[in-house]
Amino acid sequence: MDLRKVNVIISREYLTKVRKKSFLLTTFLGPVFFAALCILPSVIMFMAEDKGKRVGVVDESGIVMPYMTDNEQVSYIDYSGEPADTLKSRYFDLDLDALVLISELDTAARTVSVSAYSQKPLSVDMKEAISGNVNNAVEEYRLASYDIKGLKKILEEVRVDIPVSTYTMDDSGQEKITSSEVYMIISLVLSVIIYMFIAMFSAMVMQSVIEEKSTRVVEVLISSVNSLELMFGKIIGVAAVALTQFFLWIVLTAVIVLGLSPFIGMDTITASATMQGDQMTQMAEGLGVDSSMMDAAGMTSGAEMLSVSADSELSTIMATLAGLNYGEILLSFIIYFVLGYLLYASLFAAIGSAVENEADTQQLQMPVTIPLLLAFFIAFYAFKAPDSQVVFWGSIIPFTSPIVMLARIPFGVPFWELALSIGLLLVTFVVMAYVSAKIYKVGILMYGKKTTFKDLYKWLKQK
């Protein structure tokens, strides 16, 4: 392989990509987007609140209405004593946003049933507010039914929520305070970013190959360089584009956030971070992680995790951030991105060479994209048990390790595991690059026939 020719291909691919308007737009708008993620959630959350809603209540139980307290979001109108059917028929004349019917008290089960009627589906916030008020009323009723003097106060004094201070110790026995929540968020962010980068830039290689093949430009290029030089020149050129964009995003995002912080203030940034912590919790719940699992993982709500009023919690978070080995994290990110990208980009390049348009890639892409998606899902649960068998093997197996290992690194990974993972990834890349090069060599000049897996196998057997 002629390195001079490869350098020419790399330069051509790099300069072609960085001069495009799309590269400039994503490079300079990306940091704006990332900076906005730090601020916009609190603004959107504030603007998205229900305000000035009117809710009619028919309380047949006689215990709930006193707990329906008005606030700036919703006001409750008492229609107790009026027939429910009559109120339903007059619903639109009453100018209500919802009508809530509370059944008679079931003295045996000591509870009530609640039904809400509205023209449009109730918002989640309004439904939770109504449910919370009813629950408080029923709880108070049940406490009173025990006829124990001061029972409510006793329960309040008995109920505790003791925070656990966590520390890590090094080989010398030195202690360092840590926050599992910070590691969890860093783990999720790193896995999402590297998944996005590998998938996005590997697909860019495939699209570039398809474009050159469909326009017959590749025939001109092959007359000057061999297929192996062309493939690796293209892959390395796009990698250089990716790393350039990544470092520009880091620098520009830091500049924007630091530049805006004096005008926005720490309260806004902290409130935004709190809400993002809540969103992470809700996301985990949506993926099937229940509250007990989150407690076991040390995952609390955003308000608990980043409350400015909790000085000890805030100091723990700051100490954890200060104690992170950013050099190791950044170096690991670069190594796993480069090797993971080279592995998948070579496979995507082979796929691109075997088809004539993007519509034909779906069948051939599936065996390549499935490990990538599997790695993402494993990484999303890595914070729960970073040393579990599934996460460990996910961080060792080359097709999933670039994403899963990066999710484990904030929690600490032994050097031998890192070395084994990187070594296997490097060997796998070399093997798959050889396989991809053989497919690329034949496929890049193949036209007029839809490629199947059987065809790929035949190309691999050719010398």
Protein backbone atom coordinates (compact mmCIF):
# COMPACT_ATOMS: atom_id res chain seq x y z
CA MET A 1 0.00 0.00 0.00
CA ASP A 2 1.43 3.36 -1.10
CA LEU A 3 1.21 5.71 1.90
CA ARG A 4 1.71 8.76 -0.32
CA LYS A 5 -1.39 7.88 -2.31
CA VAL A 6 -3.31 7.15 0.89
CA ASN A 7 -2.36 10.61 2.20
CA VAL A 8 -3.70 12.16 -1.01
CA ILE A 9 -7.03 10.33 -0.54
CA ILE A 10 -7.14 11.36 3.14
CA SER A 11 -6.52 15.01 2.27
CA ARG A 12 -9.12 14.94 -0.49
CA GLU A 13 -11.73 13.33 1.76
CA TYR A 14 -10.96 15.64 4.68
CA LEU A 15 -10.98 18.88 2.69
CA THR A 16 -14.11 17.87 0.77
CA LYS A 17 -16.01 17.26 4.00
CA VAL A 18 -14.83 20.26 6.04
CA ARG A 19 -15.57 22.69 3.20
CA LYS A 20 -19.19 21.64 2.99
CA LYS A 21 -21.79 24.02 4.38
CA SER A 22 -23.35 21.14 6.34
CA PHE A 23 -20.05 20.59 8.22
CA LEU A 24 -19.75 24.27 9.09
CA LEU A 25 -23.38 24.44 10.21
CA THR A 26 -23.20 21.35 12.43
CA THR A 27 -19.81 22.39 13.84
CA PHE A 28 -20.94 25.84 14.93
CA LEU A 29 -24.59 25.07 15.71
CA GLY A 30 -23.69 21.89 17.66
CA PRO A 31 -22.11 23.78 20.59
CA VAL A 32 -25.08 26.16 20.65
CA PHE A 33 -27.33 23.12 20.91
CA PHE A 34 -25.23 21.54 23.71
CA ALA A 35 -25.10 24.83 25.62
CA ALA A 36 -28.85 25.22 25.22
CA LEU A 37 -29.31 21.78 26.81
CA CYS A 38 -27.86 23.25 30.00
CA ILE A 39 -30.38 26.09 30.12
CA LEU A 40 -33.48 25.37 28.06
CA PRO A 41 -34.97 22.53 30.17
CA SER A 42 -35.73 24.90 33.07
CA VAL A 43 -37.17 27.53 30.71
CA ILE A 44 -39.32 24.98 28.85
CA MET A 45 -40.45 23.36 32.11
CA PHE A 46 -41.54 26.74 33.44
CA MET A 47 -43.38 27.71 30.26
CA ALA A 48 -45.02 24.27 29.89
CA GLU A 49 -46.83 24.38 33.25
CA ASP A 50 -50.62 24.37 33.39
CA LYS A 51 -51.96 27.73 34.59
CA GLY A 52 -55.40 29.06 35.37
CA LYS A 53 -57.20 25.71 34.99
CA ARG A 54 -60.71 25.27 36.44
CA VAL A 55 -61.68 21.88 37.87
CA GLY A 56 -65.13 21.07 39.16
CA VAL A 57 -65.33 18.55 42.03
CA VAL A 58 -68.27 16.43 43.17
CA ASP A 59 -67.19 14.91 46.48
CA GLU A 60 -69.64 12.25 47.64
CA SER A 61 -67.18 10.95 50.22
CA GLY A 62 -67.16 14.14 52.27
CA ILE A 63 -63.43 13.84 53.07
CA VAL A 64 -61.60 14.93 49.90
CA MET A 65 -62.81 18.44 49.05
CA PRO A 66 -60.99 20.14 51.99
CA TYR A 67 -57.73 18.89 50.51
CA MET A 68 -58.42 20.33 47.05
CA THR A 69 -56.40 23.50 47.57
CA ASP A 70 -56.19 26.17 44.88
CA ASN A 71 -52.90 27.35 43.43
CA GLU A 72 -51.75 29.34 40.40
CA GLN A 73 -51.98 26.25 38.20
CA VAL A 74 -55.49 25.08 39.09
CA SER A 75 -58.53 26.21 41.04
CA TYR A 76 -61.16 23.75 42.33
CA ILE A 77 -64.89 24.53 42.32
CA ASP A 78 -67.06 22.57 44.77
CA TYR A 79 -70.18 21.06 43.16
CA SER A 80 -70.75 18.52 45.90
CA GLY A 81 -74.43 17.74 46.35
CA GLU A 82 -75.35 18.32 42.71
CA PRO A 83 -76.20 15.31 40.51
CA ALA A 84 -73.22 14.13 38.50
CA ASP A 85 -75.31 13.48 35.35
CA THR A 86 -76.65 17.03 35.42
CA LEU A 87 -73.15 18.47 35.71
CA LYS A 88 -71.96 16.33 32.80
CA SER A 89 -74.75 17.62 30.59
CA ARG A 90 -73.90 21.22 31.56
CA TYR A 91 -70.14 20.65 31.31
CA PHE A 92 -69.50 23.04 28.42
CA ASP A 93 -71.70 25.77 29.96
CA LEU A 94 -69.72 25.62 33.22
CA ASP A 95 -66.46 26.60 31.49
CA LEU A 96 -64.50 23.82 33.19
CA ASP A 97 -61.26 22.19 32.12
CA ALA A 98 -62.17 18.99 33.98
CA LEU A 99 -64.94 17.52 36.14
CA VAL A 100 -63.83 15.19 38.95
CA LEU A 101 -66.30 12.76 40.54
CA ILE A 102 -65.34 11.22 43.87
CA SER A 103 -67.37 8.21 44.99
CA GLU A 104 -68.92 7.62 48.38
CA LEU A 105 -66.50 6.39 51.01
CA ASP A 106 -65.99 2.62 51.08
CA THR A 107 -65.82 2.15 54.85
CA ALA A 108 -64.65 -1.45 54.56
CA ALA A 109 -61.67 -0.74 52.30
CA ARG A 110 -61.37 2.81 53.68
CA THR A 111 -60.91 4.30 50.21
CA VAL A 112 -62.69 6.08 47.36
CA SER A 113 -62.74 5.84 43.57
CA VAL A 114 -62.08 8.85 41.38
CA SER A 115 -63.18 9.61 37.80
CA ALA A 116 -62.22 12.67 35.79
CA TYR A 117 -64.03 13.95 32.69
CA SER A 118 -62.66 16.50 30.26
CA GLN A 119 -62.97 17.59 26.64
CA LYS A 120 -59.28 16.91 26.00
CA PRO A 121 -57.08 14.33 27.74
CA LEU A 122 -55.83 15.55 31.11
CA SER A 123 -52.22 16.66 31.31
CA VAL A 124 -49.92 14.50 33.42
CA ASP A 125 -49.34 17.36 35.88
CA MET A 126 -53.07 17.92 36.46
CA LYS A 127 -53.76 14.21 36.86
CA GLU A 128 -50.91 13.89 39.39
CA ALA A 129 -52.15 16.97 41.30
CA ILE A 130 -55.68 15.55 41.61
CA SER A 131 -54.36 12.12 42.56
CA GLY A 132 -52.03 13.62 45.17
CA ASN A 133 -54.82 15.58 46.85
CA VAL A 134 -57.11 12.53 46.98
CA ASN A 135 -54.32 10.34 48.36
CA ASN A 136 -53.58 12.87 51.11
CA ALA A 137 -57.26 12.93 52.09
CA VAL A 138 -57.56 9.13 52.24
CA GLU A 139 -54.30 8.81 54.19
CA GLU A 140 -55.53 11.34 56.76
CA TYR A 141 -58.84 9.50 57.04
CA ARG A 142 -57.10 6.18 57.61
CA LEU A 143 -54.82 7.68 60.27
CA ALA A 144 -57.81 9.17 62.07
CA SER A 145 -59.65 5.82 61.95
CA TYR A 146 -57.04 4.25 64.24
CA ASP A 147 -58.07 6.72 66.95
CA ILE A 148 -54.52 6.94 68.29
CA LYS A 149 -53.68 10.34 69.69
CA GLY A 150 -50.81 12.01 67.87
CA LEU A 151 -50.47 9.13 65.34
CA LYS A 152 -49.64 11.46 62.47
CA LYS A 153 -46.87 13.13 64.45
CA ILE A 154 -45.54 9.74 65.55
CA LEU A 155 -45.34 8.54 61.94
CA GLU A 156 -43.61 11.75 60.85
CA GLU A 157 -41.05 11.30 63.61
CA VAL A 158 -40.55 7.60 62.79
CA ARG A 159 -40.22 8.09 59.03
CA VAL A 160 -36.58 8.78 58.06
CA ASP A 161 -34.60 9.24 54.89
CA ILE A 162 -30.96 8.89 55.85
CA PRO A 163 -28.49 9.76 53.07
CA VAL A 164 -25.51 7.46 52.56
CA SER A 165 -22.13 9.14 52.18
CA THR A 166 -19.98 7.09 49.81
CA TYR A 167 -16.19 7.03 49.68
CA THR A 168 -13.64 5.26 47.54
CA MET A 169 -10.26 4.12 48.85
CA ASP A 170 -7.09 3.70 46.82
CA ASP A 171 -4.36 1.12 47.41
CA SER A 172 -2.71 3.37 49.99
CA GLY A 173 -5.94 3.63 51.98
CA GLN A 174 -6.59 7.26 51.10
CA GLU A 175 -10.31 8.07 51.13
CA LYS A 176 -12.18 10.18 48.58
CA ILE A 177 -15.84 11.17 48.76
CA THR A 178 -17.85 10.23 45.68
CA SER A 179 -21.34 10.61 44.22
CA SER A 180 -22.84 7.63 42.36
CA GLU A 181 -25.28 9.96 40.62
CA VAL A 182 -22.46 11.95 39.01
CA TYR A 183 -20.83 8.76 37.74
CA MET A 184 -24.20 7.58 36.43
CA ILE A 185 -24.80 10.76 34.42
CA ILE A 186 -21.23 10.80 33.02
CA SER A 187 -21.61 7.12 32.09
CA LEU A 188 -24.85 7.80 30.19
CA VAL A 189 -23.49 10.90 28.46
CA LEU A 190 -20.28 9.17 27.31
CA SER A 191 -22.14 6.13 25.95
CA VAL A 192 -24.65 8.29 24.07
CA ILE A 193 -21.94 10.51 22.55
CA ILE A 194 -19.69 7.68 21.36
CA TYR A 195 -22.67 5.73 19.98
CA MET A 196 -23.80 8.82 18.07
CA PHE A 197 -20.30 9.52 16.72
CA ILE A 198 -19.56 5.95 15.61
CA ALA A 199 -22.98 5.49 13.98
CA MET A 200 -23.01 8.92 12.33
CA PHE A 201 -19.50 8.97 10.87
CA SER A 202 -19.49 5.29 9.87
CA ALA A 203 -22.70 5.93 7.93
CA MET A 204 -20.99 8.97 6.38
CA VAL A 205 -18.28 6.66 4.97
CA MET A 206 -20.91 4.37 3.49
CA GLN A 207 -22.81 7.27 1.91
CA SER A 208 -19.58 8.65 0.44
CA VAL A 209 -18.74 5.27 -1.13
CA ILE A 210 -22.26 4.90 -2.56
CA GLU A 211 -22.18 8.44 -3.95
CA GLU A 212 -18.86 7.91 -5.72
CA LYS A 213 -19.95 4.53 -7.04
CA SER A 214 -23.32 5.75 -8.34
CA THR A 215 -21.71 8.76 -10.10
CA ARG A 216 -18.90 6.56 -11.52
CA VAL A 217 -16.28 8.82 -9.90
CA VAL A 218 -14.77 5.72 -8.32
CA GLU A 219 -13.77 4.40 -11.73
CA VAL A 220 -11.52 7.42 -12.22
CA LEU A 221 -10.07 7.07 -8.71
CA ILE A 222 -9.35 3.33 -9.13
CA SER A 223 -7.27 4.13 -12.21
CA SER A 224 -4.84 6.05 -9.96
CA VAL A 225 -4.98 4.15 -6.65
CA ASN A 226 -5.86 0.60 -5.68
CA SER A 227 -9.07 -0.24 -3.84
CA LEU A 228 -7.34 -0.82 -0.48
CA GLU A 229 -5.69 2.62 -0.56
CA LEU A 230 -8.98 4.22 -1.55
CA MET A 231 -10.95 2.53 1.24
CA PHE A 232 -8.49 3.34 4.03
CA GLY A 233 -7.89 6.86 2.73
CA LYS A 234 -11.62 7.48 2.84
CA ILE A 235 -12.05 5.96 6.31
CA ILE A 236 -9.11 7.87 7.85
CA GLY A 237 -10.16 11.11 6.14
CA VAL A 238 -13.65 10.95 7.64
CA ALA A 239 -12.09 10.04 11.03
CA ALA A 240 -10.03 13.23 10.86
CA VAL A 241 -13.22 15.17 10.11
CA ALA A 242 -14.93 13.56 13.11
CA LEU A 243 -12.08 14.36 15.52
CA THR A 244 -11.87 17.94 14.22
CA GLN A 245 -15.57 18.44 14.79
CA PHE A 246 -15.44 16.79 18.22
CA PHE A 247 -12.66 19.03 19.55
CA LEU A 248 -14.29 22.15 18.06
CA TRP A 249 -17.53 21.18 19.82
CA ILE A 250 -15.71 20.85 23.16
CA VAL A 251 -13.95 24.21 22.83
CA LEU A 252 -16.94 26.15 21.47
CA THR A 253 -19.40 24.66 23.98
CA ALA A 254 -17.08 25.58 26.88
CA VAL A 255 -16.69 29.11 25.52
CA ILE A 256 -20.46 29.58 25.13
CA VAL A 257 -21.35 28.19 28.57
CA LEU A 258 -18.61 30.15 30.35
CA GLY A 259 -19.49 33.27 28.40
CA LEU A 260 -23.19 33.07 29.28
CA SER A 261 -22.81 32.00 32.92
CA PRO A 262 -22.27 35.58 34.27
CA PHE A 263 -25.50 36.70 32.61
CA ILE A 264 -27.58 33.62 33.42
CA GLY A 265 -26.42 33.02 36.98
CA MET A 266 -25.70 29.81 38.87
CA ASP A 267 -29.32 29.48 40.07
CA THR A 268 -30.59 29.01 36.53
CA ILE A 269 -27.83 26.56 35.62
CA THR A 270 -28.36 24.55 38.81
CA ALA A 271 -32.14 24.50 38.32
CA SER A 272 -31.61 23.29 34.79
CA ALA A 273 -29.24 20.58 35.97
CA THR A 274 -31.80 19.53 38.58
CA MET A 275 -34.48 19.15 35.94
CA GLN A 276 -32.12 17.21 33.72
CA GLY A 277 -31.47 14.88 36.65
CA ASP A 278 -35.24 14.35 36.97
CA GLN A 279 -35.44 13.66 33.24
CA MET A 280 -32.68 11.03 33.54
CA THR A 281 -34.66 9.40 36.36
CA GLN A 282 -37.88 9.44 34.30
CA MET A 283 -36.00 8.02 31.30
CA ALA A 284 -34.67 5.16 33.39
CA GLU A 285 -38.18 4.47 34.74
CA GLY A 286 -39.48 4.44 31.19
CA LEU A 287 -36.93 1.76 30.31
CA GLY A 288 -38.21 -0.48 33.11
CA VAL A 289 -35.86 0.48 35.95
CA ASP A 290 -38.13 0.65 38.99
CA SER A 291 -37.59 2.80 42.06
CA SER A 292 -36.01 0.00 44.09
CA MET A 293 -33.46 -0.64 41.35
CA MET A 294 -32.66 3.08 41.17
CA ASP A 295 -32.25 3.25 44.94
CA ALA A 296 -29.90 0.28 44.80
CA ALA A 297 -27.89 2.04 42.11
CA GLY A 298 -27.77 5.22 44.18
CA MET A 299 -29.94 7.05 41.63
CA THR A 300 -32.12 9.73 43.18
CA SER A 301 -34.28 12.44 41.75
CA GLY A 302 -32.74 15.52 40.20
CA ALA A 303 -34.03 17.69 43.01
CA GLU A 304 -32.33 15.49 45.59
CA MET A 305 -29.21 15.12 43.48
CA LEU A 306 -28.48 18.74 42.66
CA SER A 307 -30.32 20.85 45.21
CA VAL A 308 -28.49 24.10 45.94
CA SER A 309 -30.05 24.14 49.39
CA ALA A 310 -28.30 20.88 50.29
CA ASP A 311 -24.78 22.15 50.84
CA SER A 312 -23.36 18.74 51.70
CA GLU A 313 -24.85 17.15 48.58
CA LEU A 314 -23.59 19.96 46.38
CA SER A 315 -20.13 19.76 47.91
CA THR A 316 -20.10 15.99 47.32
CA ILE A 317 -20.96 16.52 43.66
CA MET A 318 -18.26 19.19 43.26
CA ALA A 319 -15.71 16.97 45.03
CA THR A 320 -16.61 14.05 42.77
CA LEU A 321 -16.27 16.20 39.65
CA ALA A 322 -12.95 17.54 40.88
CA GLY A 323 -11.67 14.02 41.60
CA LEU A 324 -12.45 12.58 38.17
CA ASN A 325 -9.50 11.53 36.04
CA TYR A 326 -10.39 13.63 33.00
CA GLY A 327 -7.17 12.66 31.23
CA GLU A 328 -8.05 8.96 31.43
CA ILE A 329 -11.63 9.62 30.32
CA LEU A 330 -10.58 11.77 27.35
CA LEU A 331 -7.79 9.37 26.29
CA SER A 332 -10.14 6.38 26.58
CA PHE A 333 -12.78 8.21 24.56
CA ILE A 334 -10.31 8.94 21.76
CA ILE A 335 -8.93 5.36 21.71
CA TYR A 336 -12.33 3.70 21.74
CA PHE A 337 -13.79 6.17 19.27
CA VAL A 338 -10.91 5.73 16.81
CA LEU A 339 -10.81 1.92 17.04
CA GLY A 340 -14.59 1.54 17.20
CA TYR A 341 -15.03 3.91 14.29
CA LEU A 342 -12.34 2.15 12.21
CA LEU A 343 -14.00 -1.22 12.88
CA TYR A 344 -17.51 -0.13 11.94
CA ALA A 345 -16.43 2.26 9.17
CA SER A 346 -14.59 -0.55 7.38
CA LEU A 347 -17.74 -2.69 7.57
CA PHE A 348 -19.95 0.17 6.37
CA ALA A 349 -17.49 0.90 3.55
CA ALA A 350 -17.77 -2.72 2.41
CA ILE A 351 -21.57 -2.45 2.50
CA GLY A 352 -21.45 0.80 0.51
CA SER A 353 -19.24 -0.81 -2.13
CA ALA A 354 -21.66 -3.72 -2.56
CA VAL A 355 -24.74 -1.61 -3.43
CA GLU A 356 -25.64 1.06 -5.95
CA ASN A 357 -28.03 3.13 -3.82
CA GLU A 358 -28.89 3.63 -0.17
CA ALA A 359 -32.21 1.79 -0.43
CA ASP A 360 -30.34 -1.48 -1.05
CA THR A 361 -28.29 -1.24 2.15
CA GLN A 362 -31.01 -2.23 4.63
CA GLN A 363 -30.55 -6.01 4.43
CA LEU A 364 -26.74 -5.85 4.50
CA GLN A 365 -26.68 -3.30 7.32
CA MET A 366 -28.67 -5.36 9.81
CA PRO A 367 -25.85 -7.68 11.00
CA VAL A 368 -23.66 -4.61 11.55
CA THR A 369 -26.17 -2.33 13.27
CA ILE A 370 -27.54 -4.98 15.68
CA PRO A 371 -24.29 -5.21 17.75
CA LEU A 372 -24.12 -1.41 17.79
CA LEU A 373 -27.67 -1.12 19.15
CA LEU A 374 -27.07 -3.96 21.62
CA ALA A 375 -24.00 -2.13 22.93
CA PHE A 376 -26.04 1.02 23.45
CA PHE A 377 -28.72 -0.80 25.46
CA ILE A 378 -26.14 -2.59 27.64
CA ALA A 379 -24.34 0.72 28.25
CA PHE A 380 -27.59 2.35 29.31
CA TYR A 381 -27.79 -0.08 32.23
CA ALA A 382 -24.08 -0.13 33.04
CA PHE A 383 -24.50 2.36 35.91
CA LYS A 384 -26.71 -0.15 37.76
CA ALA A 385 -24.07 -2.88 37.93
CA PRO A 386 -20.85 -1.89 36.13
CA ASP A 387 -19.11 -5.14 37.13
CA SER A 388 -21.98 -7.52 36.26
CA GLN A 389 -21.34 -10.34 33.79
CA VAL A 390 -23.35 -8.86 30.92
CA VAL A 391 -21.71 -5.44 31.28
CA PHE A 392 -18.23 -6.96 31.72
CA TRP A 393 -18.47 -9.09 28.58
CA GLY A 394 -20.11 -6.23 26.72
CA SER A 395 -17.01 -4.16 27.50
CA ILE A 396 -14.65 -6.94 26.33
CA ILE A 397 -16.33 -8.19 23.12
CA PRO A 398 -14.95 -5.96 20.33
CA PHE A 399 -18.25 -5.20 18.58
CA THR A 400 -19.78 -3.75 21.78
CA SER A 401 -16.72 -2.70 23.82
CA PRO A 402 -16.27 0.86 22.40
CA ILE A 403 -19.62 1.91 23.86
CA VAL A 404 -19.96 -0.34 26.93
CA MET A 405 -16.40 0.10 28.23
CA LEU A 406 -16.71 3.87 28.02
CA ALA A 407 -19.85 3.64 30.17
CA ARG A 408 -17.89 1.62 32.78
CA ILE A 409 -14.79 3.83 32.95
CA PRO A 410 -16.24 6.48 35.35
CA PHE A 411 -16.83 3.69 37.90
CA GLY A 412 -13.23 2.46 37.65
CA VAL A 413 -11.92 -0.37 35.47
CA PRO A 414 -8.79 -2.47 36.18
CA PHE A 415 -5.92 -1.86 33.77
CA TRP A 416 -5.85 -5.48 32.56
CA GLU A 417 -9.48 -5.25 31.48
CA LEU A 418 -8.77 -2.06 29.54
CA ALA A 419 -5.70 -3.61 27.92
CA LEU A 420 -7.58 -6.79 27.00
CA SER A 421 -10.53 -4.85 25.62
CA ILE A 422 -8.37 -2.51 23.51
CA GLY A 423 -6.15 -5.37 22.30
CA LEU A 424 -9.11 -7.49 21.17
CA LEU A 425 -10.69 -4.45 19.52
CA LEU A 426 -7.48 -3.71 17.61
CA VAL A 427 -7.07 -7.33 16.43
CA THR A 428 -10.73 -7.50 15.39
CA PHE A 429 -10.39 -4.28 13.42
CA VAL A 430 -7.38 -5.68 11.51
CA VAL A 431 -9.26 -8.89 10.68
CA MET A 432 -12.48 -7.12 9.67
CA ALA A 433 -10.53 -4.53 7.68
CA TYR A 434 -8.98 -7.38 5.67
CA VAL A 435 -12.44 -8.92 5.11
CA SER A 436 -13.95 -5.56 4.19
CA ALA A 437 -11.07 -4.77 1.81
CA LYS A 438 -11.69 -7.99 -0.14
CA ILE A 439 -15.40 -7.17 -0.47
CA TYR A 440 -14.62 -3.55 -1.31
CA LYS A 441 -12.15 -4.55 -4.05
CA VAL A 442 -14.79 -6.55 -5.96
CA GLY A 443 -17.93 -4.63 -5.01
CA ILE A 444 -16.73 -1.14 -5.88
CA LEU A 445 -16.78 -1.97 -9.62
CA MET A 446 -19.85 -4.25 -9.55
CA TYR A 447 -22.98 -2.83 -11.21
CA GLY A 448 -26.40 -3.99 -12.34
CA LYS A 449 -27.06 -6.72 -9.73
CA LYS A 450 -28.54 -6.59 -6.26
CA THR A 451 -25.94 -7.99 -3.85
CA THR A 452 -26.81 -10.80 -1.42
CA PHE A 453 -24.87 -12.39 1.46
CA LYS A 454 -24.10 -15.28 -0.87
CA ASP A 455 -22.37 -12.84 -3.25
CA LEU A 456 -20.33 -11.38 -0.39
CA TYR A 457 -19.14 -14.88 0.54
CA LYS A 458 -18.06 -15.53 -3.04
CA TRP A 459 -16.10 -12.26 -3.14
CA LEU A 460 -14.31 -13.22 0.09
CA LYS A 461 -13.12 -16.49 -1.48
CA GLN A 462 -11.62 -14.69 -4.46
CA LYS A 463 -7.86 -14.16 -4.42
